Protein backbone atom coordinates (compact mmCIF):
# COMPACT_ATOMS: atom_id res chain seq x y z
CA MET A 1 -1.09 3.18 -44.75
CA THR A 2 -1.41 -0.42 -43.25
CA LYS A 3 -2.69 -3.08 -45.61
CA ARG A 4 -5.87 -5.48 -44.60
CA LEU A 5 -4.35 -9.08 -44.53
CA THR A 6 -6.61 -11.77 -46.35
CA SER A 7 -4.88 -14.87 -45.36
CA GLU A 8 -5.78 -16.75 -42.17
CA LYS A 9 -1.72 -17.61 -41.76
CA GLU A 10 -0.78 -14.11 -42.09
CA MET A 11 -3.46 -12.90 -39.47
CA ARG A 12 -2.33 -15.32 -37.13
CA PHE A 13 1.33 -14.53 -37.31
CA LEU A 14 0.84 -10.77 -37.03
CA CYS A 15 -0.96 -11.46 -33.97
CA PHE A 16 1.80 -13.45 -32.84
CA LEU A 17 4.13 -10.66 -33.49
CA CYS A 18 1.93 -8.26 -31.50
CA CYS A 19 2.14 -10.72 -28.76
CA LEU A 20 5.55 -11.01 -29.00
CA ALA A 21 6.16 -7.14 -28.77
CA TYR A 22 3.67 -6.50 -25.99
CA PHE A 23 5.58 -9.43 -24.04
CA MET A 24 8.90 -7.57 -24.41
CA SER A 25 7.67 -4.21 -23.54
CA TYR A 26 6.03 -5.44 -20.06
CA LEU A 27 9.50 -7.44 -19.75
CA THR A 28 11.79 -3.91 -20.24
CA ARG A 29 9.02 -1.99 -18.49
CA LEU A 30 7.93 -3.87 -15.18
CA ASN A 31 11.52 -5.16 -14.18
CA TYR A 32 12.66 -2.14 -12.09
CA ALA A 33 9.39 -2.20 -10.01
CA ALA A 34 9.51 -6.22 -9.61
CA CYS A 35 13.37 -5.81 -8.17
CA MET A 36 12.51 -2.28 -6.12
CA VAL A 37 12.87 -4.15 -2.59
CA GLU A 38 16.73 -5.45 -3.77
CA LEU A 39 17.25 -1.93 -4.89
CA GLN A 40 16.18 -0.21 -1.71
CA SER A 41 18.63 -2.46 0.09
CA ALA A 42 21.52 -2.55 -2.65
CA LEU A 43 21.51 1.32 -2.87
CA GLY A 44 20.57 2.23 0.43
CA ILE A 45 17.56 4.18 -0.27
CA GLY A 46 13.83 4.77 0.85
CA LYS A 47 10.53 3.82 -0.56
CA SER A 48 9.84 7.06 -1.64
CA ILE A 49 13.20 7.49 -3.58
CA ALA A 50 13.00 3.80 -5.04
CA GLY A 51 9.49 4.29 -6.38
CA LEU A 52 10.56 7.82 -8.05
CA PRO A 53 11.82 5.84 -11.19
CA VAL A 54 8.76 3.95 -11.46
CA THR A 55 6.51 7.52 -10.85
CA MET A 56 8.85 9.32 -13.71
CA CYS A 57 7.93 6.16 -15.93
CA PHE A 58 4.32 6.29 -15.71
CA LEU A 59 4.33 10.27 -16.33
CA SER A 60 6.48 10.10 -19.12
CA TYR A 61 4.56 6.97 -20.67
CA GLY A 62 0.98 9.09 -20.17
CA VAL A 63 2.49 12.12 -21.94
CA GLY A 64 3.94 10.04 -24.47
CA GLN A 65 0.92 8.35 -25.35
CA LEU A 66 -0.97 11.24 -26.20
CA VAL A 67 2.10 12.30 -28.47
CA CYS A 68 2.42 8.82 -29.92
CA GLY A 69 -1.31 8.23 -30.16
CA PHE A 70 -1.54 11.39 -32.66
CA LEU A 71 1.81 10.08 -34.47
CA GLY A 72 0.48 6.44 -34.79
CA ASP A 73 -2.39 7.61 -37.15
CA ARG A 74 0.21 9.56 -39.47
CA PHE A 75 3.35 7.81 -39.52
CA SER A 76 4.32 3.82 -40.05
CA PRO A 77 3.03 2.23 -37.19
CA GLN A 78 5.90 -0.68 -37.55
CA LYS A 79 8.70 1.35 -37.67
CA MET A 80 7.13 3.16 -34.44
CA ILE A 81 7.00 -0.02 -32.50
CA PHE A 82 10.51 -0.62 -33.56
CA GLY A 83 11.92 2.25 -32.17
CA GLY A 84 10.28 1.93 -29.23
CA LEU A 85 11.33 -1.47 -28.27
CA ALA A 86 14.90 -0.66 -29.28
CA GLY A 87 15.05 2.50 -27.34
CA ALA A 88 13.36 0.40 -24.11
CA SER A 89 16.21 -2.14 -24.61
CA ALA A 90 18.94 0.36 -24.44
CA CYS A 91 17.58 2.09 -21.19
CA ASN A 92 17.52 -1.31 -19.62
CA LEU A 93 21.14 -1.70 -20.27
CA ALA A 94 21.92 1.88 -19.04
CA VAL A 95 20.59 1.08 -15.81
CA ALA A 96 22.90 -1.94 -15.40
CA LEU A 97 25.72 -0.07 -16.52
CA PHE A 98 25.33 3.12 -14.31
CA PRO A 99 23.92 1.84 -11.05
CA ARG A 100 22.96 5.37 -9.44
CA MET A 101 19.56 7.10 -8.72
CA SER A 102 20.90 9.91 -10.56
CA VAL A 103 21.04 8.29 -13.67
CA ILE A 104 18.31 5.45 -12.95
CA VAL A 105 15.58 8.07 -12.46
CA PRO A 106 16.16 10.20 -15.98
CA VAL A 107 16.82 6.92 -17.90
CA TRP A 108 13.51 5.11 -16.58
CA CYS A 109 11.87 8.51 -17.44
CA LEU A 110 13.20 8.17 -21.00
CA ASN A 111 12.13 4.13 -20.81
CA GLY A 112 8.53 5.51 -20.38
CA PHE A 113 8.38 7.41 -23.49
CA PHE A 114 10.06 4.64 -25.73
CA GLN A 115 7.35 2.49 -24.44
CA SER A 116 4.67 4.73 -25.28
CA MET A 117 5.25 4.42 -28.99
CA LEU A 118 4.23 0.51 -28.79
CA TRP A 119 0.49 0.50 -28.06
CA PRO A 120 -1.33 3.09 -29.89
CA PRO A 121 0.34 2.17 -33.27
CA MET A 122 -0.44 -1.60 -32.34
CA VAL A 123 -3.88 -0.98 -31.73
CA ARG A 124 -4.07 0.68 -35.30
CA ILE A 125 -2.15 -2.29 -37.12
CA MET A 126 -4.89 -4.55 -35.27
CA ALA A 127 -7.84 -2.74 -36.26
CA GLU A 128 -6.52 -2.04 -39.79
CA MET A 129 -4.90 -5.27 -40.85
CA LEU A 130 -6.95 -7.96 -39.07
CA ASP A 131 -10.78 -8.38 -39.50
CA ASP A 132 -13.23 -8.19 -36.68
CA ARG A 133 -12.59 -11.95 -35.28
CA TRP A 134 -8.99 -11.81 -35.56
CA TYR A 135 -9.04 -8.17 -33.76
CA ARG A 136 -11.48 -9.14 -30.93
CA LEU A 137 -9.10 -12.50 -30.77
CA SER A 138 -5.86 -10.33 -30.78
CA CYS A 139 -7.17 -7.83 -28.31
CA VAL A 140 -7.40 -10.98 -25.64
CA LEU A 141 -4.02 -12.55 -26.85
CA VAL A 142 -1.79 -9.18 -26.19
CA SER A 143 -3.54 -8.70 -22.95
CA MET A 144 -2.51 -12.32 -22.15
CA ALA A 145 1.05 -11.78 -23.65
CA SER A 146 1.67 -8.71 -20.94
CA SER A 147 0.20 -11.02 -18.11
CA ALA A 148 2.95 -13.83 -19.11
CA ALA A 149 5.54 -11.01 -19.29
CA THR A 150 4.58 -10.20 -15.82
CA ILE A 151 4.68 -13.74 -14.54
CA ALA A 152 8.08 -14.17 -16.30
CA ILE A 153 9.21 -11.27 -14.55
CA TYR A 154 8.38 -11.84 -10.83
CA VAL A 155 9.32 -15.47 -11.13
CA LEU A 156 12.62 -14.77 -12.90
CA THR A 157 13.83 -11.69 -10.94
CA PRO A 158 14.52 -13.73 -7.53
CA VAL A 159 16.22 -16.38 -9.73
CA CYS A 160 18.34 -13.61 -11.28
CA ILE A 161 19.02 -11.92 -7.99
CA ARG A 162 20.20 -14.93 -6.22
CA VAL A 163 22.31 -16.26 -9.41
CA SER A 164 24.17 -13.09 -10.35
CA GLY A 165 22.62 -10.19 -8.76
CA TRP A 166 19.86 -7.72 -9.57
CA LYS A 167 22.02 -5.85 -12.76
CA ALA A 168 20.98 -9.29 -14.77
CA VAL A 169 17.24 -8.25 -14.46
CA PHE A 170 18.00 -5.49 -16.94
CA ILE A 171 20.72 -7.10 -18.89
CA ALA A 172 18.48 -10.01 -20.26
CA PRO A 173 15.55 -8.04 -21.20
CA ALA A 174 17.76 -5.60 -23.01
CA VAL A 175 19.52 -8.32 -25.01
CA LEU A 176 16.04 -10.06 -25.82
CA GLY A 177 14.25 -6.87 -26.35
CA THR A 178 16.85 -5.83 -29.06
CA ALA A 179 16.29 -9.19 -30.77
CA ALA A 180 12.56 -8.71 -30.73
CA ALA A 181 12.75 -5.26 -32.24
CA PHE A 182 14.68 -6.44 -35.40
CA PHE A 183 12.49 -9.58 -35.62
CA TRP A 184 9.31 -7.38 -35.23
CA LEU A 185 10.34 -5.05 -37.98
CA VAL A 186 11.82 -7.33 -40.88
CA LYS A 187 8.36 -9.61 -40.30
CA THR A 188 5.73 -6.65 -40.26
CA LEU A 189 6.89 -5.00 -42.96
CA GLY A 190 7.01 -8.48 -45.10
CA LEU A 191 3.47 -8.82 -43.97
CA GLY A 192 2.68 -5.56 -45.43
CA SER A 193 4.20 -6.41 -48.84
CA ARG A 194 2.48 -9.46 -49.07
CA ALA A 195 -1.02 -8.04 -48.06
CA GLU A 196 -0.52 -5.14 -50.56
CA LYS A 197 0.20 -8.01 -53.64
CA ALA A 198 -2.67 -9.86 -52.20
CA GLU A 199 -4.85 -6.94 -52.58
CA GLY A 200 -3.62 -6.16 -56.29
CA ALA A 201 -4.55 -9.24 -57.20
CA ASP A 202 -8.12 -9.27 -56.12
CA GLY A 203 -8.39 -5.67 -56.36
CA GLN A 204 -12.13 -5.73 -57.66
CA ARG A 205 -13.24 -7.77 -54.79
CA THR A 206 -11.59 -5.50 -52.58
CA GLU A 207 -12.89 -2.11 -53.90
CA SER A 208 -16.39 -3.53 -54.00
CA GLY A 209 -16.18 -4.84 -50.44
CA THR A 210 -14.80 -1.47 -48.94
CA GLU A 211 -16.43 0.96 -51.14
CA GLU A 212 -19.29 1.95 -48.31
CA ALA A 213 -17.03 1.58 -45.58
CA GLY A 214 -14.78 4.07 -46.96
CA GLN A 215 -17.47 6.68 -47.64
CA GLN A 216 -18.44 6.02 -43.93
CA SER A 217 -15.14 6.78 -42.72
CA VAL A 218 -14.51 9.68 -44.75
CA GLY A 219 -17.71 11.61 -43.19
CA ARG A 220 -16.66 10.23 -39.77
CA ALA A 221 -12.94 11.44 -40.38
CA SER A 222 -14.24 15.25 -39.90
CA PHE A 223 -15.46 14.47 -36.55
CA SER A 224 -13.69 16.68 -34.10
CA PHE A 225 -12.39 15.53 -30.45
CA PRO A 226 -14.93 18.09 -28.93
CA ARG A 227 -17.70 16.22 -30.97
CA LEU A 228 -16.47 12.74 -30.26
CA PHE A 229 -16.24 13.36 -26.69
CA ALA A 230 -20.01 14.73 -26.99
CA GLU A 231 -21.30 11.64 -28.59
CA ALA A 232 -19.58 8.92 -26.78
CA PRO A 233 -18.83 9.44 -22.72
CA LEU A 234 -15.31 9.29 -22.88
CA ILE A 235 -14.98 11.60 -19.76
CA PHE A 236 -16.32 9.04 -17.77
CA ILE A 237 -14.17 6.43 -19.59
CA LEU A 238 -11.36 8.36 -19.11
CA LEU A 239 -11.89 8.46 -15.43
CA ALA A 240 -12.64 4.94 -14.84
CA ILE A 241 -9.27 4.29 -16.73
CA VAL A 242 -7.46 6.78 -14.48
CA LEU A 243 -8.72 4.63 -11.44
CA GLN A 244 -8.35 1.07 -12.94
CA GLY A 245 -4.55 2.21 -13.53
CA THR A 246 -4.24 3.28 -9.81
CA LEU A 247 -5.54 -0.20 -8.49
CA ARG A 248 -3.69 -2.37 -11.25
CA ASP A 249 -0.08 -0.69 -11.20
CA GLY A 250 -0.42 0.61 -7.83
CA ILE A 251 -1.00 -3.11 -6.38
CA THR A 252 1.29 -4.74 -8.63
CA THR A 253 4.12 -2.11 -7.64
CA TRP A 254 3.87 -2.38 -3.69
CA MET A 255 2.86 -5.77 -3.43
CA PRO A 256 6.11 -7.14 -2.80
CA VAL A 257 6.94 -4.58 0.12
CA TYR A 258 3.59 -5.01 1.50
CA MET A 259 4.06 -8.78 2.02
CA SER A 260 7.52 -8.14 3.35
CA GLU A 261 6.63 -5.10 5.83
CA THR A 262 3.53 -6.74 7.01
CA PHE A 263 4.42 -10.38 7.19
CA GLY A 264 8.58 -10.47 7.60
CA MET A 265 8.66 -12.40 4.23
CA SER A 266 12.27 -12.17 2.63
CA ASN A 267 13.12 -9.87 -0.41
CA SER A 268 13.16 -13.07 -2.59
CA SER A 269 10.01 -14.40 -1.20
CA SER A 270 7.95 -11.23 -1.50
CA ILE A 271 8.89 -10.66 -4.98
CA LEU A 272 7.95 -14.45 -6.02
CA SER A 273 4.63 -14.11 -4.06
CA ALA A 274 3.66 -10.97 -6.51
CA ALA A 275 3.50 -13.89 -9.49
CA ALA A 276 0.14 -14.78 -8.28
CA LEU A 277 -1.09 -11.58 -9.49
CA PRO A 278 -0.34 -12.25 -13.49
CA VAL A 279 -1.14 -15.57 -13.09
CA PHE A 280 -4.67 -14.74 -12.47
CA ALA A 281 -4.75 -11.95 -14.70
CA VAL A 282 -4.41 -14.33 -17.37
CA PHE A 283 -7.90 -16.25 -16.39
CA SER A 284 -9.31 -12.67 -15.34
CA THR A 285 -9.06 -11.56 -19.25
CA LEU A 286 -10.55 -14.54 -20.54
CA PHE A 287 -13.05 -14.22 -18.02
CA ALA A 288 -13.83 -10.30 -19.13
CA SER A 289 -13.83 -11.71 -22.56
CA PHE A 290 -16.63 -14.27 -21.67
CA LEU A 291 -18.73 -11.54 -19.92
CA LEU A 292 -18.58 -9.34 -22.43
CA SER A 293 -19.97 -11.99 -25.38
CA ARG A 294 -22.93 -12.00 -22.60
CA ILE A 295 -23.71 -8.54 -21.52
CA LYS A 296 -22.48 -6.84 -24.98
CA SER A 297 -21.35 -3.72 -23.51
CA GLU A 298 -17.50 -2.97 -22.89
CA VAL A 299 -18.82 -0.44 -20.06
CA SER A 300 -21.30 -2.53 -18.53
CA THR A 301 -18.76 -5.18 -18.12
CA ALA A 302 -16.21 -2.73 -16.59
CA ALA A 303 -19.03 -1.72 -14.10
CA LEU A 304 -19.17 -5.26 -12.79
CA LEU A 305 -15.70 -5.93 -12.54
CA PHE A 306 -15.16 -2.48 -10.50
CA GLY A 307 -17.82 -3.69 -8.09
CA ALA A 308 -15.97 -7.32 -7.70
CA GLY A 309 -12.54 -5.35 -7.06
CA ALA A 310 -14.23 -3.04 -4.41
CA LEU A 311 -15.50 -6.31 -2.85
CA SER A 312 -12.31 -8.13 -2.62
CA GLY A 313 -10.70 -5.09 -1.17
CA GLY A 314 -13.35 -5.06 1.45
CA LEU A 315 -12.54 -8.55 2.24
CA MET A 316 -8.83 -7.85 2.23
CA LEU A 317 -9.45 -5.22 4.85
CA MET A 318 -10.65 -7.80 7.49
CA ALA A 319 -7.55 -9.84 7.32
CA PHE A 320 -4.81 -7.19 6.15
CA ASP A 321 -2.07 -8.20 8.64
CA SER A 322 -3.43 -11.42 10.08
CA ALA A 323 -3.71 -13.71 6.83
CA PRO A 324 -1.23 -13.53 4.14
CA ALA A 325 -2.60 -16.02 2.18
CA VAL A 326 -5.76 -14.30 2.15
CA CYS A 327 -4.02 -10.86 1.43
CA ILE A 328 -2.41 -12.44 -1.84
CA LEU A 329 -5.84 -13.91 -2.88
CA MET A 330 -7.52 -10.33 -2.44
CA MET A 331 -5.08 -8.34 -4.05
CA THR A 332 -4.98 -11.27 -6.91
CA LEU A 333 -8.41 -10.60 -7.41
CA ILE A 334 -8.48 -7.15 -7.44
CA THR A 335 -5.66 -6.51 -10.14
CA GLY A 336 -7.59 -9.61 -12.12
CA CYS A 337 -10.49 -7.37 -12.29
CA MET A 338 -8.39 -4.60 -13.27
CA HIS A 339 -6.69 -6.57 -15.84
CA GLY A 340 -10.33 -7.13 -17.32
CA ILE A 341 -11.20 -3.60 -16.93
CA ASN A 342 -8.19 -2.61 -19.00
CA LEU A 343 -9.27 -5.30 -21.77
CA MET A 344 -12.77 -3.39 -22.19
CA LEU A 345 -11.50 0.13 -21.90
CA ILE A 346 -8.00 0.16 -23.29
CA SER A 347 -8.15 -2.67 -25.75
CA ARG A 348 -11.98 -2.95 -27.25
CA VAL A 349 -13.18 0.45 -26.91
CA PRO A 350 -10.61 1.99 -29.28
CA GLY A 351 -11.80 -0.35 -31.89
CA HIS A 352 -14.90 1.67 -32.09
CA PHE A 353 -13.35 4.66 -33.50
CA ALA A 354 -12.01 3.03 -36.35
CA GLY A 355 -14.39 4.64 -38.88
CA PHE A 356 -13.47 7.87 -37.60
CA GLY A 357 -9.72 7.45 -38.49
CA LYS A 358 -8.68 7.68 -34.87
CA VAL A 359 -7.90 4.52 -33.62
CA SER A 360 -4.28 5.20 -32.40
CA THR A 361 -5.00 8.68 -31.28
CA VAL A 362 -8.18 7.90 -29.05
CA SER A 363 -5.83 4.38 -28.00
CA GLY A 364 -3.10 6.88 -26.95
CA ILE A 365 -5.42 9.27 -25.26
CA LEU A 366 -7.13 6.20 -23.12
CA ASN A 367 -3.92 4.42 -22.33
CA ALA A 368 -2.27 8.11 -21.10
CA ALA A 369 -5.31 8.01 -18.72
CA THR A 370 -4.13 4.44 -17.15
CA TYR A 371 -0.51 5.87 -16.36
CA VAL A 372 -1.96 9.08 -15.09
CA GLY A 373 -3.60 6.62 -12.15
CA SER A 374 -0.51 4.32 -11.94
CA SER A 375 1.91 7.48 -11.30
CA LEU A 376 -0.45 8.75 -8.80
CA SER A 377 -0.21 5.46 -7.10
CA THR A 378 3.39 4.35 -7.11
CA TYR A 379 4.35 7.47 -5.39
CA GLY A 380 1.21 7.79 -3.30
CA PHE A 381 0.71 4.70 -1.94
CA GLY A 382 4.19 4.51 -0.57
CA ALA A 383 3.71 7.79 1.13
CA VAL A 384 0.17 6.84 2.25
CA ALA A 385 1.75 3.82 3.70
CA GLU A 386 4.98 5.24 5.34
CA GLY A 387 2.46 8.20 7.28
CA SER A 388 -0.76 6.03 7.87
CA GLY A 389 0.00 2.32 7.68
CA TRP A 390 -0.91 0.14 5.21
CA LYS A 391 -4.59 -0.40 6.27
CA ALA A 392 -5.07 3.05 5.00
CA VAL A 393 -3.55 1.97 1.74
CA VAL A 394 -6.20 -1.09 1.43
CA GLY A 395 -8.91 1.49 2.61
CA LEU A 396 -8.09 3.50 -0.29
CA TRP A 397 -8.35 0.48 -2.82
CA ILE A 398 -11.87 0.12 -1.86
CA ALA A 399 -12.69 3.83 -2.23
CA VAL A 400 -11.09 3.75 -5.88
CA GLY A 401 -12.90 0.97 -6.64
CA ILE A 402 -16.58 2.31 -5.69
CA LEU A 403 -15.83 5.32 -7.57
CA GLY A 404 -14.40 3.30 -10.72
CA LEU A 405 -17.96 1.56 -10.45
CA ALA A 406 -19.98 4.98 -10.20
CA SER A 407 -18.25 6.11 -13.30
CA MET A 408 -19.19 3.17 -15.26
CA LEU A 409 -22.67 3.37 -14.20
CA CYS A 410 -23.07 6.89 -15.38
CA ALA A 411 -21.32 6.17 -18.72
CA ARG A 412 -23.62 2.99 -19.59
CA GLY A 413 -26.55 4.74 -21.09
CA LYS A 414 -24.73 7.08 -23.35
CA TRP A 415 -22.17 4.37 -24.29
CA ARG A 416 -25.05 2.48 -25.37
CA ARG A 417 -26.68 4.86 -27.74
CA PHE A 418 -23.44 5.76 -29.38
CA CYS A 419 -22.72 2.47 -30.19
CA GLY A 420 -26.12 1.86 -31.53
CA LYS A 421 -25.73 4.82 -33.64
CA TYR A 422 -22.67 4.24 -35.16
CA HIS A 423 -22.33 0.54 -35.85
């Protein structure tokens, strides 16, 4: 059982550790997609084959979210995150040592499962060890850490390729990820012990302050998932998460290939152009948090962002092969909106289930839905581009945004009633 932290300094440090772990998670996962254009040339493979490891990674990540979400509510979340980060680092090293697709595909699939061991237990740690203010802040900062890692990957990947070849793109994250895994384990277990001592020194205040919350949690813990799905509009939220994952990771994965094929950019330049996506994602996360503070509903905020993403896709369609700057801007806006939706539905929504004792489980289910969409888009967008061209792909992006808007509008009323009843 994790312990609630009472020191502002410890809560700040825990937030830093979560940002570090999630930064390294992205660094050891997105590097393959970032250098996929280079791998096509180096290994002599087509787009569909090149995208297969990413697809398998997304699929195993999604399945792993379901498993690790359940386990994250029952076992030490600190140790699960350590195991996931260490395993992901080992997979990166294996890709560099055995550069054959017959090895890369199953190894990257395994990497997806290791990656799934991070987010659900991390949400549990943040929800249980931090107070409400720090939980809200940590959701924003961890999301920004993932964007910072994406920026780092898309900026450093072309540098590594030019200086020492594509293998360095996997070796460097493997070394850094291993170091971060051990740092995480030692420091978070230490925080837990200090929190326990603090709780013992002030036991009377802690007991009186949590007695009522504890009684409520015991009652809500008996809620079955069918009842939770009935009380909250989780079906519509799951659909929206699939759709945002489709756009967010689909555009991130295929943007370098799109820019290279449509505008004749070099591999290094097209990879570097994708760095614009996470740069704007940092601001989108802050903007989405600002919107939520005004709208007071995660679902309504997500609806607004889906609408903005669909509008951006429509503008891009008018200049999809004639204005590279406009296309980069529009893809940046779409993925930025999806990052904001991710903050609403993946980071903030699970916190509403803390009283039911199912934060990690709900987080795992919701995050798994993201990577259902991600896996479909990674292979699907490449196949559509090969068969019908990139204009058809942009049309799909618009349709996905409109469908996401519709799903959030359907969920809005029921989500408002659920939050009013249990908060």
